Amino acid sequence: MPLLEVRNVSKRFGGVNANIEISFDVAEGEILGLLGPNGAGKTSLFNSISGEVTPDTGEILLDGARISGLGPVSCAGLGVARTFQVVRSFDTMTVRENVMVGAFSRTASPRAAMQAADETMTFCGLSARADRPAWSLSPPEKRRLEVARALATKPRVLLLDEMLTGLTPTEAAEGVQLVRDVQARGVTIIMVEHVMEVVLPLVTRAVVLNLGRVLTIGSPAEIVRNPEVIRAYLGDRYAPA
């Protein structure tokens, strides 16, 4: 049985169909890429998986149990954590306190939360910044902070929304290594990214969305050769005949 199942999920906002009958499975321990041009529906789908919105139709299952419609607190408690395309940190709080917010979803003890936060900051390379306010971090450090806060909830599924976007090649390489390290801990990962050359070497499979629908699902090698994917990203004139 797959760890996560998305079954015929549709979501409409006013007159806009953000997601239309989307279906795919994610195996435990897999890194799955969620790709597509701007407006394809990637973040809308993340919002449904993480419980921030409820699909209009369809359902999302974690370990065979329905989680769609439960809300973000319940989904986080069941093991679904996420980062955001626009970094969301508590800027006046320290880095340690930010990570403790995630840890408090698993414990009511401040001592235990602090210990979990310190361990997670070490894992994410943020220990040297522990006592600094979040606002003082560099952009790549802020993205690591979001990952650390999500990991402190001890997720089974981690949703990464454009974690590597806007980074320098060196920063992106460090981010890729962090993703691999998270997977090595047994966490299942779904990544939204625009930069295909960065994300495709990481993933086992990719789901490509376009205009709210699944365009194709396949291995990285299949994705880069697919004429419909090339059209969606680059336009008709770049697609092979």
Protein backbone atom coordinates (compact mmCIF):
# COMPACT_ATOMS: atom_id res chain seq x y z
CA MET A 1 0.00 0.00 0.00
CA PRO A 2 1.34 3.48 -0.83
CA LEU A 3 2.01 5.78 2.10
CA LEU A 4 0.14 8.71 0.54
CA GLU A 5 -2.68 8.49 -2.01
CA VAL A 6 -4.22 11.40 -3.89
CA ARG A 7 -7.48 10.25 -5.46
CA ASN A 8 -9.37 12.34 -8.01
CA VAL A 9 -8.78 15.58 -6.11
CA SER A 10 -10.42 18.72 -7.50
CA LYS A 11 -10.43 22.22 -6.02
CA ARG A 12 -12.09 25.34 -7.37
CA PHE A 13 -11.63 28.94 -6.22
CA GLY A 14 -14.43 31.08 -7.58
CA GLY A 15 -14.26 30.69 -11.35
CA VAL A 16 -10.78 29.11 -11.34
CA ASN A 17 -10.23 25.34 -11.40
CA ALA A 18 -6.98 25.06 -9.43
CA ASN A 19 -6.92 21.26 -9.42
CA ILE A 20 -8.92 18.94 -11.65
CA GLU A 21 -9.24 15.21 -10.85
CA ILE A 22 -5.62 14.76 -9.75
CA SER A 23 -4.55 11.23 -8.82
CA PHE A 24 -1.19 9.72 -7.87
CA ASP A 25 0.44 7.62 -5.15
CA VAL A 26 3.63 8.15 -3.15
CA ALA A 27 5.61 5.20 -1.80
CA GLU A 28 7.14 5.30 1.67
CA GLY A 29 10.66 6.73 1.53
CA GLU A 30 10.23 8.12 -1.99
CA ILE A 31 11.19 11.59 -3.17
CA LEU A 32 8.48 12.65 -5.61
CA GLY A 33 8.76 15.78 -7.74
CA LEU A 34 5.67 17.91 -8.33
CA LEU A 35 6.46 19.99 -11.41
CA GLY A 36 4.71 22.38 -13.72
CA PRO A 37 4.77 25.96 -15.00
CA ASN A 38 3.37 28.88 -13.01
CA GLY A 39 -0.34 28.47 -12.36
CA ALA A 40 -0.27 24.71 -12.85
CA GLY A 41 -1.88 24.06 -9.44
CA LYS A 42 1.10 22.78 -7.46
CA THR A 43 0.75 24.92 -4.34
CA SER A 44 -3.04 24.48 -4.36
CA LEU A 45 -2.51 20.74 -4.23
CA PHE A 46 0.01 21.12 -1.37
CA ASN A 47 -2.63 23.11 0.51
CA SER A 48 -5.07 20.21 0.17
CA ILE A 49 -2.52 17.60 1.25
CA SER A 50 -1.44 19.60 4.29
CA GLY A 51 -5.03 20.29 5.34
CA GLU A 52 -5.09 24.04 4.76
CA VAL A 53 -7.96 23.65 2.30
CA THR A 54 -10.48 20.89 1.74
CA PRO A 55 -10.84 19.46 -1.78
CA ASP A 56 -14.22 19.96 -3.41
CA THR A 57 -14.18 16.36 -4.62
CA GLY A 58 -11.85 13.40 -4.19
CA GLU A 59 -9.84 12.39 -1.15
CA ILE A 60 -6.32 12.15 0.23
CA LEU A 61 -5.25 9.11 2.23
CA LEU A 62 -2.29 8.60 4.58
CA ASP A 63 -1.60 4.95 5.31
CA GLY A 64 -5.09 4.14 4.04
CA ALA A 65 -6.88 6.63 6.31
CA ARG A 66 -8.52 9.74 4.93
CA ILE A 67 -6.83 13.01 5.95
CA SER A 68 -8.40 15.46 3.49
CA GLY A 69 -10.64 17.91 5.31
CA LEU A 70 -9.11 17.31 8.74
CA GLY A 71 -7.33 20.69 8.91
CA PRO A 72 -3.63 21.52 9.21
CA VAL A 73 -3.30 20.80 12.95
CA SER A 74 -4.70 17.28 12.62
CA CYS A 75 -2.69 16.59 9.46
CA ALA A 76 0.51 17.71 11.20
CA GLY A 77 -0.32 15.49 14.15
CA LEU A 78 -0.71 12.54 11.79
CA GLY A 79 2.67 13.20 10.21
CA VAL A 80 2.29 15.67 7.33
CA ALA A 81 4.56 18.75 7.52
CA ARG A 82 5.38 21.41 4.96
CA THR A 83 7.40 24.46 4.08
CA PHE A 84 6.06 27.44 2.15
CA GLN A 85 6.95 29.10 -1.13
CA VAL A 86 7.10 32.43 0.70
CA VAL A 87 9.14 31.83 3.85
CA ARG A 88 7.06 32.09 7.02
CA SER A 89 9.07 32.51 10.20
CA PHE A 90 8.43 34.16 13.53
CA ASP A 91 10.92 36.94 12.89
CA THR A 92 11.16 38.38 16.41
CA MET A 93 11.75 34.95 17.93
CA THR A 94 15.12 33.20 17.93
CA VAL A 95 15.95 30.38 15.57
CA ARG A 96 15.72 27.93 18.47
CA GLU A 97 12.31 29.22 19.48
CA ASN A 98 11.07 28.92 15.91
CA VAL A 99 12.08 25.26 15.78
CA MET A 100 10.60 24.65 19.22
CA VAL A 101 7.22 25.71 17.79
CA GLY A 102 7.37 22.61 15.60
CA ALA A 103 8.56 20.41 18.45
CA PHE A 104 5.62 21.47 20.64
CA SER A 105 3.33 19.58 18.29
CA ARG A 106 4.86 16.40 19.76
CA THR A 107 5.48 17.36 23.37
CA ALA A 108 4.17 19.75 26.01
CA SER A 109 7.51 19.82 27.83
CA PRO A 110 9.66 22.93 27.18
CA ARG A 111 12.78 20.92 28.05
CA ALA A 112 11.91 18.17 25.56
CA ALA A 113 10.99 20.73 22.91
CA MET A 114 14.30 22.53 23.37
CA GLN A 115 16.24 19.28 23.13
CA ALA A 116 14.38 18.30 19.95
CA ALA A 117 14.99 21.78 18.51
CA ASP A 118 18.71 21.64 19.26
CA GLU A 119 19.03 18.21 17.62
CA THR A 120 17.10 19.37 14.57
CA MET A 121 19.14 22.59 14.24
CA THR A 122 22.34 20.54 14.30
CA PHE A 123 20.96 18.29 11.57
CA CYS A 124 20.01 21.32 9.43
CA GLY A 125 23.26 23.22 9.99
CA LEU A 126 21.72 26.00 12.07
CA SER A 127 23.30 25.45 15.49
CA ALA A 128 25.55 28.49 15.15
CA ARG A 129 22.44 30.64 14.57
CA ALA A 130 20.37 29.21 17.43
CA ASP A 131 20.18 32.38 19.53
CA ARG A 132 19.85 34.85 16.68
CA PRO A 133 16.48 36.35 15.73
CA ALA A 134 14.96 34.75 12.67
CA TRP A 135 14.84 38.06 10.80
CA SER A 136 18.65 38.21 10.78
CA LEU A 137 19.09 35.01 8.76
CA SER A 138 20.10 35.00 5.11
CA PRO A 139 17.49 33.73 2.58
CA PRO A 140 18.99 30.22 2.33
CA GLU A 141 19.22 30.04 6.12
CA LYS A 142 15.56 31.02 6.40
CA ARG A 143 14.64 28.16 4.08
CA ARG A 144 16.65 25.78 6.27
CA LEU A 145 14.83 27.16 9.28
CA GLU A 146 11.51 26.26 7.71
CA VAL A 147 12.77 22.75 7.03
CA ALA A 148 14.02 22.46 10.62
CA ARG A 149 10.69 23.62 12.08
CA ALA A 150 8.84 21.11 9.89
CA LEU A 151 11.23 18.28 10.83
CA ALA A 152 10.74 19.06 14.52
CA THR A 153 7.15 17.85 14.13
CA LYS A 154 8.59 14.38 13.27
CA PRO A 155 6.78 14.07 9.95
CA ARG A 156 6.26 10.96 7.89
CA VAL A 157 5.61 13.08 4.78
CA LEU A 158 7.43 16.38 4.18
CA LEU A 159 6.13 18.81 1.55
CA LEU A 160 8.84 21.16 0.27
CA ASP A 161 7.46 24.14 -1.65
CA GLU A 162 10.25 25.64 -3.80
CA MET A 163 12.92 25.09 -1.17
CA LEU A 164 15.70 25.39 -3.75
CA THR A 165 14.31 28.28 -5.80
CA GLY A 166 16.41 31.44 -5.93
CA LEU A 167 19.54 29.88 -4.44
CA THR A 168 23.05 30.12 -5.85
CA PRO A 169 24.51 26.89 -7.30
CA THR A 170 26.49 26.31 -4.10
CA GLU A 171 23.46 26.96 -1.90
CA ALA A 172 21.30 24.73 -4.10
CA ALA A 173 23.86 21.91 -3.83
CA GLU A 174 23.76 22.22 -0.05
CA GLY A 175 19.97 22.17 -0.16
CA VAL A 176 20.00 19.04 -2.30
CA GLN A 177 22.24 17.32 0.23
CA LEU A 178 19.88 18.30 3.04
CA VAL A 179 16.97 16.74 1.13
CA ARG A 180 18.96 13.52 0.69
CA ASP A 181 19.81 13.51 4.40
CA VAL A 182 16.13 13.94 5.29
CA GLN A 183 15.20 11.02 3.04
CA ALA A 184 17.91 8.92 4.69
CA ARG A 185 16.02 9.40 7.95
CA GLY A 186 13.05 7.61 6.41
CA VAL A 187 10.96 10.68 5.63
CA THR A 188 8.88 10.62 2.45
CA ILE A 189 9.27 13.84 0.46
CA ILE A 190 7.19 15.64 -2.16
CA MET A 191 8.98 18.60 -3.76
CA VAL A 192 7.53 21.48 -5.73
CA GLU A 193 10.24 23.05 -7.88
CA HIS A 194 10.52 25.07 -11.08
CA VAL A 195 14.19 24.32 -11.77
CA MET A 196 14.01 20.90 -13.38
CA GLU A 197 17.77 20.39 -13.70
CA VAL A 198 18.07 20.71 -9.92
CA VAL A 199 15.14 18.57 -8.83
CA LEU A 200 15.12 15.77 -11.41
CA PRO A 201 18.40 14.17 -10.22
CA LEU A 202 16.84 14.01 -6.73
CA VAL A 203 13.49 12.39 -7.46
CA THR A 204 12.42 8.83 -8.19
CA ARG A 205 9.39 9.98 -10.16
CA ALA A 206 7.75 13.25 -11.07
CA VAL A 207 4.14 14.33 -11.45
CA VAL A 208 3.82 17.16 -13.97
CA LEU A 209 0.79 19.43 -13.69
CA ASN A 210 -0.47 21.88 -16.28
CA LEU A 211 -3.59 24.05 -16.03
CA GLY A 212 -4.71 22.15 -12.94
CA ARG A 213 -4.51 18.66 -14.46
CA VAL A 214 -1.95 15.86 -14.42
CA LEU A 215 -0.02 16.13 -17.66
CA THR A 216 2.13 13.05 -17.09
CA ILE A 217 3.73 10.90 -14.39
CA GLY A 218 7.07 9.21 -14.95
CA SER A 219 10.74 8.83 -14.24
CA PRO A 220 13.06 11.81 -14.73
CA ALA A 221 14.28 10.34 -18.02
CA GLU A 222 10.71 10.00 -19.27
CA ILE A 223 9.77 13.50 -18.14
CA VAL A 224 12.55 15.34 -19.96
CA ARG A 225 11.76 13.54 -23.24
CA ASN A 226 8.00 14.06 -23.09
CA PRO A 227 6.87 16.48 -25.86
CA GLU A 228 3.85 17.63 -23.82
CA VAL A 229 6.11 18.61 -20.91
CA ILE A 230 8.37 20.55 -23.27
CA ARG A 231 5.36 22.37 -24.72
CA ALA A 232 4.04 23.24 -21.26
CA TYR A 233 7.36 24.71 -20.13
CA LEU A 234 8.80 26.18 -23.33
CA GLY A 235 6.03 26.45 -25.90
CA ASP A 236 5.09 24.57 -29.07
CA ARG A 237 8.09 25.62 -31.12
CA TYR A 238 10.51 23.77 -28.81
CA ALA A 239 8.60 20.48 -28.80
CA PRO A 240 9.71 17.73 -31.19
CA ALA A 241 7.42 16.98 -34.09
